[in-house]
């Protein structure tokens, strides 16, 4: 999963951060992906590595990429998994990775 790869790649930066916000946007739309409590397993992983983590679950009608950028508004870094879709689907629907690359006003660490 790209998000977990991104977290692993950013771990030294996350350990050094004052606070890390683990953001999940509409996790119920990804049935079976997050377990009983969305973000709990990833937050526990980060905490075991000494990261001070806060889980933020955002339920919104906004596009996920826009919602992530809103959550990260005052952040120093945005860490995200990058996932590509077919060009046709990207053209019609856009995508989180595309939104982050086009609109982020902060440094972004992406991993695929």
PDB file of N, CA and C in Angstrom:
ATOM      1  N   UNK A   1       0.850  -1.183   0.000  1.00  0.00           N
ATOM      2  CA  UNK A   1       0.000   0.000   0.000  1.00  0.00           C
ATOM      3  C   UNK A   1       0.892   1.242   0.000  1.00  0.00           C
ATOM      4  N   UNK A   2       0.685   2.152  -0.939  1.00  0.00           N
ATOM      5  CA  UNK A   2       1.537   3.329  -1.051  1.00  0.00           C
ATOM      6  C   UNK A   2       1.594   4.206   0.204  1.00  0.00           C
ATOM      7  N   UNK A   3       0.488   4.340   0.914  1.00  0.00           N
ATOM      8  CA  UNK A   3       0.489   5.183   2.114  1.00  0.00           C
ATOM      9  C   UNK A   3       1.459   4.633   3.160  1.00  0.00           C
ATOM     10  N   UNK A   4       1.485   3.325   3.325  1.00  0.00           N
ATOM     11  CA  UNK A   4       2.406   2.730   4.296  1.00  0.00           C
ATOM     12  C   UNK A   4       3.853   2.887   3.853  1.00  0.00           C
ATOM     13  N   UNK A   5       4.110   2.798   2.555  1.00  0.00           N
ATOM     14  CA  UNK A   5       5.467   3.035   2.044  1.00  0.00           C
ATOM     15  C   UNK A   5       5.893   4.465   2.314  1.00  0.00           C
ATOM     16  N   UNK A   6       4.982   5.399   2.136  1.00  0.00           N
ATOM     17  CA  UNK A   6       5.289   6.808   2.390  1.00  0.00           C
ATOM     18  C   UNK A   6       5.597   7.042   3.864  1.00  0.00           C
ATOM     19  N   UNK A   7       4.824   6.420   4.738  1.00  0.00           N
ATOM     20  CA  UNK A   7       5.074   6.553   6.177  1.00  0.00           C
ATOM     21  C   UNK A   7       6.437   5.979   6.526  1.00  0.00           C
ATOM     22  N   UNK A   8       6.761   4.820   5.979  1.00  0.00           N
ATOM     23  CA  UNK A   8       8.068   4.221   6.229  1.00  0.00           C
ATOM     24  C   UNK A   8       9.202   5.097   5.732  1.00  0.00           C
ATOM     25  N   UNK A   9       9.047   5.679   4.558  1.00  0.00           N
ATOM     26  CA  UNK A   9      10.084   6.549   3.997  1.00  0.00           C
ATOM     27  C   UNK A   9      10.256   7.820   4.818  1.00  0.00           C
ATOM     28  N   UNK A  10       9.174   8.297   5.388  1.00  0.00           N
ATOM     29  CA  UNK A  10       9.207   9.550   6.144  1.00  0.00           C
ATOM     30  C   UNK A  10       9.459   9.347   7.632  1.00  0.00           C
ATOM     31  N   UNK A  11       9.583   8.107   8.088  1.00  0.00           N
ATOM     32  CA  UNK A  11       9.665   7.827   9.523  1.00  0.00           C
ATOM     33  C   UNK A  11      10.705   8.671  10.266  1.00  0.00           C
ATOM     34  N   UNK A  12      11.933   8.841   9.755  1.00  0.00           N
ATOM     35  CA  UNK A  12      12.886   9.687  10.492  1.00  0.00           C
ATOM     36  C   UNK A  12      12.379  11.127  10.673  1.00  0.00           C
ATOM     37  N   UNK A  13      11.679  11.656   9.683  1.00  0.00           N
ATOM     38  CA  UNK A  13      11.114  12.999   9.798  1.00  0.00           C
ATOM     39  C   UNK A  13       9.944  13.025  10.775  1.00  0.00           C
ATOM     40  N   UNK A  14       9.143  11.979  10.752  1.00  0.00           N
ATOM     41  CA  UNK A  14       7.979  11.907  11.635  1.00  0.00           C
ATOM     42  C   UNK A  14       8.398  11.782  13.101  1.00  0.00           C
ATOM     43  N   UNK A  15       9.439  11.016  13.357  1.00  0.00           N
ATOM     44  CA  UNK A  15       9.947  10.864  14.729  1.00  0.00           C
ATOM     45  C   UNK A  15      10.419  12.208  15.267  1.00  0.00           C
ATOM     46  N   UNK A  16      11.013  13.032  14.413  1.00  0.00           N
ATOM     47  CA  UNK A  16      11.536  14.326  14.835  1.00  0.00           C
ATOM     48  C   UNK A  16      10.459  15.404  14.957  1.00  0.00           C
ATOM     49  N   UNK A  17       9.275  15.152  14.436  1.00  0.00           N
ATOM     50  CA  UNK A  17       8.208  16.166  14.442  1.00  0.00           C
ATOM     51  C   UNK A  17       7.613  16.337  15.831  1.00  0.00           C
ATOM     52  N   UNK A  18       7.141  17.548  16.103  1.00  0.00           N
ATOM     53  CA  UNK A  18       6.445  17.802  17.368  1.00  0.00           C
ATOM     54  C   UNK A  18       5.151  17.008  17.432  1.00  0.00           C
ATOM     55  N   UNK A  19       4.397  17.035  16.361  1.00  0.00           N
ATOM     56  CA  UNK A  19       3.125  16.322  16.273  1.00  0.00           C
ATOM     57  C   UNK A  19       2.897  15.866  14.843  1.00  0.00           C
ATOM     58  N   UNK A  20       2.312  14.696  14.700  1.00  0.00           N
ATOM     59  CA  UNK A  20       1.956  14.160  13.395  1.00  0.00           C
ATOM     60  C   UNK A  20       0.451  13.930  13.398  1.00  0.00           C
ATOM     61  N   UNK A  21      -0.206  14.429  12.363  1.00  0.00           N
ATOM     62  CA  UNK A  21      -1.643  14.188  12.208  1.00  0.00           C
ATOM     63  C   UNK A  21      -1.821  13.127  11.136  1.00  0.00           C
ATOM     64  N   UNK A  22      -2.360  12.000  11.525  1.00  0.00           N
ATOM     65  CA  UNK A  22      -2.656  10.910  10.602  1.00  0.00           C
ATOM     66  C   UNK A  22      -4.086  11.139  10.100  1.00  0.00           C
ATOM     67  N   UNK A  23      -4.209  11.564   8.851  1.00  0.00           N
ATOM     68  CA  UNK A  23      -5.507  11.944   8.307  1.00  0.00           C
ATOM     69  C   UNK A  23      -6.103  10.842   7.457  1.00  0.00           C
ATOM     70  N   UNK A  24      -7.359  10.544   7.704  1.00  0.00           N
ATOM     71  CA  UNK A  24      -8.123   9.596   6.897  1.00  0.00           C
ATOM     72  C   UNK A  24      -9.361  10.328   6.409  1.00  0.00           C
ATOM     73  N   UNK A  25      -9.570  10.321   5.107  1.00  0.00           N
ATOM     74  CA  UNK A  25     -10.720  10.999   4.516  1.00  0.00           C
ATOM     75  C   UNK A  25     -11.727   9.948   4.077  1.00  0.00           C
ATOM     76  N   UNK A  26     -12.915  10.021   4.650  1.00  0.00           N
ATOM     77  CA  UNK A  26     -14.003   9.095   4.336  1.00  0.00           C
ATOM     78  C   UNK A  26     -13.539   7.637   4.344  1.00  0.00           C
ATOM     79  N   UNK A  27     -12.970   7.163   5.458  1.00  0.00           N
ATOM     80  CA  UNK A  27     -12.428   5.798   5.473  1.00  0.00           C
ATOM     81  C   UNK A  27     -13.465   4.710   5.245  1.00  0.00           C
ATOM     82  N   UNK A  28     -14.721   4.988   5.527  1.00  0.00           N
ATOM     83  CA  UNK A  28     -15.760   3.968   5.324  1.00  0.00           C
ATOM     84  C   UNK A  28     -15.956   3.644   3.850  1.00  0.00           C
ATOM     85  N   UNK A  29     -15.495   4.491   2.964  1.00  0.00           N
ATOM     86  CA  UNK A  29     -15.611   4.220   1.525  1.00  0.00           C
ATOM     87  C   UNK A  29     -14.636   3.146   1.063  1.00  0.00           C
ATOM     88  N   UNK A  30     -13.638   2.871   1.849  1.00  0.00           N
ATOM     89  CA  UNK A  30     -12.657   1.832   1.527  1.00  0.00           C
ATOM     90  C   UNK A  30     -12.900   0.646   2.459  1.00  0.00           C
ATOM     91  N   UNK A  31     -14.017  -0.008   2.298  1.00  0.00           N
ATOM     92  CA  UNK A  31     -14.443  -1.096   3.174  1.00  0.00           C
ATOM     93  C   UNK A  31     -13.355  -2.159   3.310  1.00  0.00           C
ATOM     94  N   UNK A  32     -13.103  -2.555   4.539  1.00  0.00           N
ATOM     95  CA  UNK A  32     -12.144  -3.616   4.807  1.00  0.00           C
ATOM     96  C   UNK A  32     -10.695  -3.169   4.824  1.00  0.00           C
ATOM     97  N   UNK A  33     -10.433  -1.923   4.507  1.00  0.00           N
ATOM     98  CA  UNK A  33      -9.057  -1.446   4.424  1.00  0.00           C
ATOM     99  C   UNK A  33      -8.515  -0.986   5.770  1.00  0.00           C
ATOM    100  N   UNK A  34      -9.381  -0.483   6.625  1.00  0.00           N
ATOM    101  CA  UNK A  34      -8.918   0.168   7.848  1.00  0.00           C
ATOM    102  C   UNK A  34      -9.175  -0.596   9.139  1.00  0.00           C
ATOM    103  N   UNK A  35      -9.860  -1.690   9.109  1.00  0.00           N
ATOM    104  CA  UNK A  35     -10.153  -2.421  10.337  1.00  0.00           C
ATOM    105  C   UNK A  35     -11.307  -1.795  11.100  1.00  0.00           C
ATOM    106  N   UNK A  36     -11.453  -2.196  12.363  1.00  0.00           N
ATOM    107  CA  UNK A  36     -12.578  -1.735  13.176  1.00  0.00           C
ATOM    108  C   UNK A  36     -12.511  -0.243  13.480  1.00  0.00           C
ATOM    109  N   UNK A  37     -11.314   0.253  13.749  1.00  0.00           N
ATOM    110  CA  UNK A  37     -11.144   1.671  14.069  1.00  0.00           C
ATOM    111  C   UNK A  37     -10.149   2.280  13.084  1.00  0.00           C
ATOM    112  N   UNK A  38     -10.628   3.071  12.140  1.00  0.00           N
ATOM    113  CA  UNK A  38      -9.742   3.632  11.113  1.00  0.00           C
ATOM    114  C   UNK A  38      -8.555   4.385  11.699  1.00  0.00           C
ATOM    115  N   UNK A  39      -7.381   4.027  11.240  1.00  0.00           N
ATOM    116  CA  UNK A  39      -6.153   4.691  11.661  1.00  0.00           C
ATOM    117  C   UNK A  39      -5.494   4.130  12.896  1.00  0.00           C
ATOM    118  N   UNK A  40      -6.183   3.269  13.629  1.00  0.00           N
ATOM    119  CA  UNK A  40      -5.652   2.776  14.908  1.00  0.00           C
ATOM    120  C   UNK A  40      -4.365   1.973  14.726  1.00  0.00           C
ATOM    121  N   UNK A  41      -4.336   1.070  13.762  1.00  0.00           N
ATOM    122  CA  UNK A  41      -3.136   0.245  13.557  1.00  0.00           C
ATOM    123  C   UNK A  41      -1.939   1.087  13.134  1.00  0.00           C
ATOM    124  N   UNK A  42      -2.162   2.016  12.233  1.00  0.00           N
ATOM    125  CA  UNK A  42      -1.070   2.875  11.771  1.00  0.00           C
ATOM    126  C   UNK A  42      -0.608   3.799  12.887  1.00  0.00           C
ATOM    127  N   UNK A  43      -1.534   4.318  13.663  1.00  0.00           N
ATOM    128  CA  UNK A  43      -1.173   5.177  14.798  1.00  0.00           C
ATOM    129  C   UNK A  43      -0.358   4.394  15.821  1.00  0.00           C
ATOM    130  N   UNK A  44      -0.722   3.141  16.072  1.00  0.00           N
ATOM    131  CA  UNK A  44       0.038   2.308  17.008  1.00  0.00           C
ATOM    132  C   UNK A  44       1.444   2.054  16.478  1.00  0.00           C
ATOM    133  N   UNK A  45       1.572   1.796  15.184  1.00  0.00           N
ATOM    134  CA  UNK A  45       2.885   1.609  14.571  1.00  0.00           C
ATOM    135  C   UNK A  45       3.752   2.851  14.767  1.00  0.00           C
ATOM    136  N   UNK A  46       3.191   4.014  14.482  1.00  0.00           N
ATOM    137  CA  UNK A  46       3.940   5.261  14.634  1.00  0.00           C
ATOM    138  C   UNK A  46       4.311   5.498  16.094  1.00  0.00           C
ATOM    139  N   UNK A  47       3.378   5.263  17.001  1.00  0.00           N
ATOM    140  CA  UNK A  47       3.646   5.465  18.427  1.00  0.00           C
ATOM    141  C   UNK A  47       4.763   4.547  18.915  1.00  0.00           C
ATOM    142  N   UNK A  48       4.807   3.301  18.428  1.00  0.00           N
ATOM    143  CA  UNK A  48       5.888   2.380  18.824  1.00  0.00           C
ATOM    144  C   UNK A  48       7.247   2.897  18.384  1.00  0.00           C
ATOM    145  N   UNK A  49       7.274   3.759  17.365  1.00  0.00           N
ATOM    146  CA  UNK A  49       8.528   4.342  16.902  1.00  0.00           C
ATOM    147  C   UNK A  49       8.800   5.713  17.525  1.00  0.00           C
ATOM    148  N   UNK A  50       7.995   6.092  18.502  1.00  0.00           N
ATOM    149  CA  UNK A  50       8.214   7.350  19.210  1.00  0.00           C
ATOM    150  C   UNK A  50       7.577   8.569  18.567  1.00  0.00           C
ATOM    151  N   UNK A  51       6.679   8.363  17.627  1.00  0.00           N
ATOM    152  CA  UNK A  51       6.001   9.481  16.958  1.00  0.00           C
ATOM    153  C   UNK A  51       4.801   9.899  17.813  1.00  0.00           C
ATOM    154  N   UNK A  52       4.679  11.191  18.036  1.00  0.00           N
ATOM    155  CA  UNK A  52       3.514  11.734  18.729  1.00  0.00           C
ATOM    156  C   UNK A  52       2.430  11.950  17.669  1.00  0.00           C
ATOM    157  N   UNK A  53       1.444  11.069  17.666  1.00  0.00           N
ATOM    158  CA  UNK A  53       0.479  11.021  16.559  1.00  0.00           C
ATOM    159  C   UNK A  53      -0.936  11.295  17.037  1.00  0.00           C
ATOM    160  N   UNK A  54      -1.662  12.007  16.201  1.00  0.00           N
ATOM    161  CA  UNK A  54      -3.079  12.292  16.415  1.00  0.00           C
ATOM    162  C   UNK A  54      -3.820  11.808  15.168  1.00  0.00           C
ATOM    163  N   UNK A  55      -4.868  11.012  15.354  1.00  0.00           N
ATOM    164  CA  UNK A  55      -5.661  10.519  14.222  1.00  0.00           C
ATOM    165  C   UNK A  55      -6.790  11.505  13.948  1.00  0.00           C
ATOM    166  N   UNK A  56      -6.899  11.915  12.691  1.00  0.00           N
ATOM    167  CA  UNK A  56      -7.959  12.821  12.254  1.00  0.00           C
ATOM    168  C   UNK A  56      -8.767  12.090  11.191  1.00  0.00           C
ATOM    169  N   UNK A  57     -10.043  11.862  11.481  1.00  0.00           N
ATOM    170  CA  UNK A  57     -10.939  11.231  10.509  1.00  0.00           C
ATOM    171  C   UNK A  57     -11.864  12.317   9.988  1.00  0.00           C
ATOM    172  N   UNK A  58     -11.753  12.586   8.700  1.00  0.00           N
ATOM    173  CA  UNK A  58     -12.538  13.634   8.054  1.00  0.00           C
ATOM    174  C   UNK A  58     -13.597  12.991   7.176  1.00  0.00           C
ATOM    175  N   UNK A  59     -14.839  13.300   7.477  1.00  0.00           N
ATOM    176  CA  UNK A  59     -15.939  12.831   6.638  1.00  0.00           C
ATOM    177  C   UNK A  59     -16.469  14.052   5.905  1.00  0.00           C
ATOM    178  N   UNK A  60     -16.351  14.035   4.595  1.00  0.00           N
ATOM    179  CA  UNK A  60     -16.660  15.220   3.813  1.00  0.00           C
ATOM    180  C   UNK A  60     -17.144  14.839   2.425  1.00  0.00           C
ATOM    181  N   UNK A  61     -17.867  15.765   1.816  1.00  0.00           N
ATOM    182  CA  UNK A  61     -18.279  15.591   0.421  1.00  0.00           C
ATOM    183  C   UNK A  61     -17.218  16.142  -0.527  1.00  0.00           C
ATOM    184  N   UNK A  62     -16.225  16.843   0.024  1.00  0.00           N
ATOM    185  CA  UNK A  62     -15.151  17.408  -0.802  1.00  0.00           C
ATOM    186  C   UNK A  62     -14.298  16.286  -1.384  1.00  0.00           C
ATOM    187  N   UNK A  63     -13.602  16.601  -2.462  1.00  0.00           N
ATOM    188  CA  UNK A  63     -12.675  15.633  -3.053  1.00  0.00           C
ATOM    189  C   UNK A  63     -11.590  15.297  -2.032  1.00  0.00           C
ATOM    190  N   UNK A  64     -11.165  14.024  -1.954  1.00  0.00           N
ATOM    191  CA  UNK A  64     -10.182  13.631  -0.948  1.00  0.00           C
ATOM    192  C   UNK A  64      -8.879  14.439  -0.983  1.00  0.00           C
ATOM    193  N   UNK A  65      -8.376  14.744  -2.169  1.00  0.00           N
ATOM    194  CA  UNK A  65      -7.148  15.528  -2.263  1.00  0.00           C
ATOM    195  C   UNK A  65      -7.314  16.909  -1.662  1.00  0.00           C
ATOM    196  N   UNK A  66      -8.434  17.551  -1.961  1.00  0.00           N
ATOM    197  CA  UNK A  66      -8.742  18.881  -1.401  1.00  0.00           C
ATOM    198  C   UNK A  66      -8.874  18.782   0.117  1.00  0.00           C
ATOM    199  N   UNK A  67      -9.541  17.736   0.608  1.00  0.00           N
ATOM    200  CA  UNK A  67      -9.712  17.560   2.049  1.00  0.00           C
ATOM    201  C   UNK A  67      -8.362  17.385   2.742  1.00  0.00           C
ATOM    202  N   UNK A  68      -7.456  16.602   2.148  1.00  0.00           N
ATOM    203  CA  UNK A  68      -6.124  16.434   2.733  1.00  0.00           C
ATOM    204  C   UNK A  68      -5.373  17.755   2.789  1.00  0.00           C
ATOM    205  N   UNK A  69      -5.458  18.536   1.729  1.00  0.00           N
ATOM    206  CA  UNK A  69      -4.782  19.834   1.726  1.00  0.00           C
ATOM    207  C   UNK A  69      -5.368  20.769   2.777  1.00  0.00           C
ATOM    208  N   UNK A  70      -6.672  20.713   2.987  1.00  0.00           N
ATOM    209  CA  UNK A  70      -7.295  21.528   4.033  1.00  0.00           C
ATOM    210  C   UNK A  70      -6.807  21.105   5.416  1.00  0.00           C
ATOM    211  N   UNK A  71      -6.713  19.800   5.658  1.00  0.00           N
ATOM    212  CA  UNK A  71      -6.229  19.294   6.954  1.00  0.00           C
ATOM    213  C   UNK A  71      -4.781  19.713   7.180  1.00  0.00           C
ATOM    214  N   UNK A  72      -3.984  19.701   6.110  1.00  0.00           N
ATOM    215  CA  UNK A  72      -2.550  20.002   6.208  1.00  0.00           C
ATOM    216  C   UNK A  72      -2.248  21.495   6.083  1.00  0.00           C
ATOM    217  N   UNK A  73      -3.250  22.329   6.174  1.00  0.00           N
ATOM    218  CA  UNK A  73      -3.094  23.760   5.911  1.00  0.00           C
ATOM    219  C   UNK A  73      -1.932  24.405   6.662  1.00  0.00           C
ATOM    220  N   UNK A  74      -1.744  24.088   7.926  1.00  0.00           N
ATOM    221  CA  UNK A  74      -0.671  24.696   8.719  1.00  0.00           C
ATOM    222  C   UNK A  74       0.494  23.745   8.971  1.00  0.00           C
ATOM    223  N   UNK A  75       0.560  22.678   8.218  1.00  0.00           N
ATOM    224  CA  UNK A  75       1.612  21.674   8.408  1.00  0.00           C
ATOM    225  C   UNK A  75       2.910  22.109   7.727  1.00  0.00           C
ATOM    226  N   UNK A  76       4.000  21.478   8.136  1.00  0.00           N
ATOM    227  CA  UNK A  76       5.307  21.734   7.529  1.00  0.00           C
ATOM    228  C   UNK A  76       5.585  20.774   6.384  1.00  0.00           C
ATOM    229  N   UNK A  77       4.923  19.615   6.403  1.00  0.00           N
ATOM    230  CA  UNK A  77       5.152  18.574   5.404  1.00  0.00           C
ATOM    231  C   UNK A  77       3.901  17.723   5.287  1.00  0.00           C
ATOM    232  N   UNK A  78       3.582  17.318   4.071  1.00  0.00           N
ATOM    233  CA  UNK A  78       2.490  16.382   3.828  1.00  0.00           C
ATOM    234  C   UNK A  78       3.096  15.100   3.283  1.00  0.00           C
ATOM    235  N   UNK A  79       2.819  13.992   3.936  1.00  0.00           N
ATOM    236  CA  UNK A  79       3.312  12.678   3.522  1.00  0.00           C
ATOM    237  C   UNK A  79       2.119  11.899   2.982  1.00  0.00           C
ATOM    238  N   UNK A  80       2.268  11.354   1.773  1.00  0.00           N
ATOM    239  CA  UNK A  80       1.145  10.652   1.161  1.00  0.00           C
ATOM    240  C   UNK A  80       1.633   9.535   0.258  1.00  0.00           C
ATOM    241  N   UNK A  81       0.832   8.520   0.157  1.00  0.00           N
ATOM    242  CA  UNK A  81       1.065   7.502  -0.850  1.00  0.00           C
ATOM    243  C   UNK A  81       0.644   8.054  -2.191  1.00  0.00           C
ATOM    244  N   UNK A  82       1.304   7.628  -3.232  1.00  0.00           N
ATOM    245  CA  UNK A  82       0.961   8.076  -4.585  1.00  0.00           C
ATOM    246  C   UNK A  82       0.451   6.870  -5.356  1.00  0.00           C
ATOM    247  N   UNK A  83      -0.660   7.055  -6.011  1.00  0.00           N
ATOM    248  CA  UNK A  83      -1.251   5.964  -6.760  1.00  0.00           C
ATOM    249  C   UNK A  83      -1.740   6.503  -8.089  1.00  0.00           C
ATOM    250  N   UNK A  84      -1.407   5.867  -9.155  1.00  0.00           N
ATOM    251  CA  UNK A  84      -1.824   6.315 -10.476  1.00  0.00           C
ATOM    252  C   UNK A  84      -2.961   5.467 -11.020  1.00  0.00           C
ATOM    253  N   UNK A  85      -3.850   6.113 -11.719  1.00  0.00           N
ATOM    254  CA  UNK A  85      -4.949   5.432 -12.407  1.00  0.00           C
ATOM    255  C   UNK A  85      -4.706   5.559 -13.913  1.00  0.00           C
ATOM    256  N   UNK A  86      -5.559   4.981 -14.687  1.00  0.00           N
ATOM    257  CA  UNK A  86      -5.441   5.142 -16.137  1.00  0.00           C
ATOM    258  C   UNK A  86      -5.585   6.618 -16.494  1.00  0.00           C
ATOM    259  N   UNK A  87      -4.988   7.010 -17.594  1.00  0.00           N
ATOM    260  CA  UNK A  87      -5.059   8.418 -18.010  1.00  0.00           C
ATOM    261  C   UNK A  87      -6.500   8.864 -18.223  1.00  0.00           C
ATOM    262  N   UNK A  88      -7.316   7.984 -18.771  1.00  0.00           N
ATOM    263  CA  UNK A  88      -8.716   8.312 -19.012  1.00  0.00           C
ATOM    264  C   UNK A  88      -9.442   8.600 -17.697  1.00  0.00           C
ATOM    265  N   UNK A  89      -9.241   7.729 -16.716  1.00  0.00           N
ATOM    266  CA  UNK A  89      -9.896   7.920 -15.416  1.00  0.00           C
ATOM    267  C   UNK A  89      -9.385   9.187 -14.736  1.00  0.00           C
ATOM    268  N   UNK A  90      -8.078   9.424 -14.799  1.00  0.00           N
ATOM    269  CA  UNK A  90      -7.511  10.639 -14.212  1.00  0.00           C
ATOM    270  C   UNK A  90      -8.107  11.877 -14.865  1.00  0.00           C
ATOM    271  N   UNK A  91      -8.261  11.851 -16.178  1.00  0.00           N
ATOM    272  CA  UNK A  91      -8.807  12.990 -16.897  1.00  0.00           C
ATOM    273  C   UNK A  91     -10.238  13.279 -16.460  1.00  0.00           C
ATOM    274  N   UNK A  92     -11.035  12.224 -16.317  1.00  0.00           N
ATOM    275  CA  UNK A  92     -12.440  12.407 -15.945  1.00  0.00           C
ATOM    276  C   UNK A  92     -12.628  12.709 -14.463  1.00  0.00           C
ATOM    277  N   UNK A  93     -11.944  11.972 -13.632  1.00  0.00           N
ATOM    278  CA  UNK A  93     -12.200  12.048 -12.196  1.00  0.00           C
ATOM    279  C   UNK A  93     -11.118  12.763 -11.402  1.00  0.00           C
ATOM    280  N   UNK A  94      -9.956  12.965 -12.001  1.00  0.00           N
ATOM    281  CA  UNK A  94      -8.857  13.527 -11.223  1.00  0.00           C
ATOM    282  C   UNK A  94      -8.313  12.463 -10.300  1.00  0.00           C
ATOM    283  N   UNK A  95      -7.636  12.863  -9.269  1.00  0.00           N
ATOM    284  CA  UNK A  95      -7.111  11.911  -8.315  1.00  0.00           C
ATOM    285  C   UNK A  95      -6.398  12.650  -7.203  1.00  0.00           C
ATOM    286  N   UNK A  96      -6.227  11.981  -6.085  1.00  0.00           N
ATOM    287  CA  UNK A  96      -5.580  12.590  -4.925  1.00  0.00           C
ATOM    288  C   UNK A  96      -4.154  12.997  -5.261  1.00  0.00           C
ATOM    289  N   UNK A  97      -3.386  12.092  -5.862  1.00  0.00           N
ATOM    290  CA  UNK A  97      -1.987  12.390  -6.184  1.00  0.00           C
ATOM    291  C   UNK A  97      -1.906  13.605  -7.102  1.00  0.00           C
ATOM    292  N   UNK A  98      -2.744  13.624  -8.095  1.00  0.00           N
ATOM    293  CA  UNK A  98      -2.744  14.753  -9.039  1.00  0.00           C
ATOM    294  C   UNK A  98      -3.071  16.057  -8.331  1.00  0.00           C
ATOM    295  N   UNK A  99      -4.070  16.043  -7.462  1.00  0.00           N
ATOM    296  CA  UNK A  99      -4.444  17.240  -6.706  1.00  0.00           C
ATOM    297  C   UNK A  99      -3.294  17.717  -5.844  1.00  0.00           C
ATOM    298  N   UNK A 100      -2.633  16.785  -5.155  1.00  0.00           N
ATOM    299  CA  UNK A 100      -1.517  17.168  -4.291  1.00  0.00           C
ATOM    300  C   UNK A 100      -0.389  17.787  -5.105  1.00  0.00           C
ATOM    301  N   UNK A 101      -0.071  17.197  -6.243  1.00  0.00           N
ATOM    302  CA  UNK A 101       1.015  17.716  -7.069  1.00  0.00           C
ATOM    303  C   UNK A 101       0.679  19.084  -7.660  1.00  0.00           C
ATOM    304  N   UNK A 102      -0.569  19.294  -8.009  1.00  0.00           N
ATOM    305  CA  UNK A 102      -0.953  20.552  -8.650  1.00  0.00           C
ATOM    306  C   UNK A 102      -1.230  21.685  -7.674  1.00  0.00           C
ATOM    307  N   UNK A 103      -1.694  21.363  -6.464  1.00  0.00           N
ATOM    308  CA  UNK A 103      -2.212  22.418  -5.597  1.00  0.00           C
ATOM    309  C   UNK A 103      -1.522  22.579  -4.247  1.00  0.00           C
ATOM    310  N   UNK A 104      -0.651  21.673  -3.878  1.00  0.00           N
ATOM    311  CA  UNK A 104      -0.017  21.761  -2.553  1.00  0.00           C
ATOM    312  C   UNK A 104       0.835  23.017  -2.442  1.00  0.00           C
ATOM    313  N   UNK A 105       0.676  23.703  -1.329  1.00  0.00           N
ATOM    314  CA  UNK A 105       1.470  24.902  -1.037  1.00  0.00           C
ATOM    315  C   UNK A 105       2.485  24.625   0.066  1.00  0.00           C
ATOM    316  N   UNK A 106       2.782  23.359   0.266  1.00  0.00           N
ATOM    317  CA  UNK A 106       3.748  22.931   1.268  1.00  0.00           C
ATOM    318  C   UNK A 106       4.542  21.781   0.679  1.00  0.00           C
ATOM    319  N   UNK A 107       5.679  21.455   1.272  1.00  0.00           N
ATOM    320  CA  UNK A 107       6.437  20.294   0.767  1.00  0.00           C
ATOM    321  C   UNK A 107       5.604  19.015   0.887  1.00  0.00           C
ATOM    322  N   UNK A 108       5.718  18.151  -0.113  1.00  0.00           N
ATOM    323  CA  UNK A 108       4.981  16.888  -0.140  1.00  0.00           C
ATOM    324  C   UNK A 108       5.962  15.759  -0.378  1.00  0.00           C
ATOM    325  N   UNK A 109       5.929  14.739   0.469  1.00  0.00           N
ATOM    326  CA  UNK A 109       6.710  13.521   0.278  1.00  0.00           C
ATOM    327  C   UNK A 109       5.741  12.459  -0.220  1.00  0.00           C
ATOM    328  N   UNK A 110       5.945  11.994  -1.440  1.00  0.00           N
ATOM    329  CA  UNK A 110       5.099  10.967  -2.040  1.00  0.00           C
ATOM    330  C   UNK A 110       5.879   9.673  -2.207  1.00  0.00           C
ATOM    331  N   UNK A 111       5.212   8.556  -2.014  1.00  0.00           N
ATOM    332  CA  UNK A 111       5.823   7.242  -2.261  1.00  0.00           C
ATOM    333  C   UNK A 111       4.800   6.370  -2.962  1.00  0.00           C
ATOM    334  N   UNK A 112       5.283   5.561  -3.900  1.00  0.00           N
ATOM    335  CA  UNK A 112       4.393   4.673  -4.660  1.00  0.00           C
ATOM    336  C   UNK A 112       4.753   3.238  -4.347  1.00  0.00           C
TER     337      UNK A 112
END
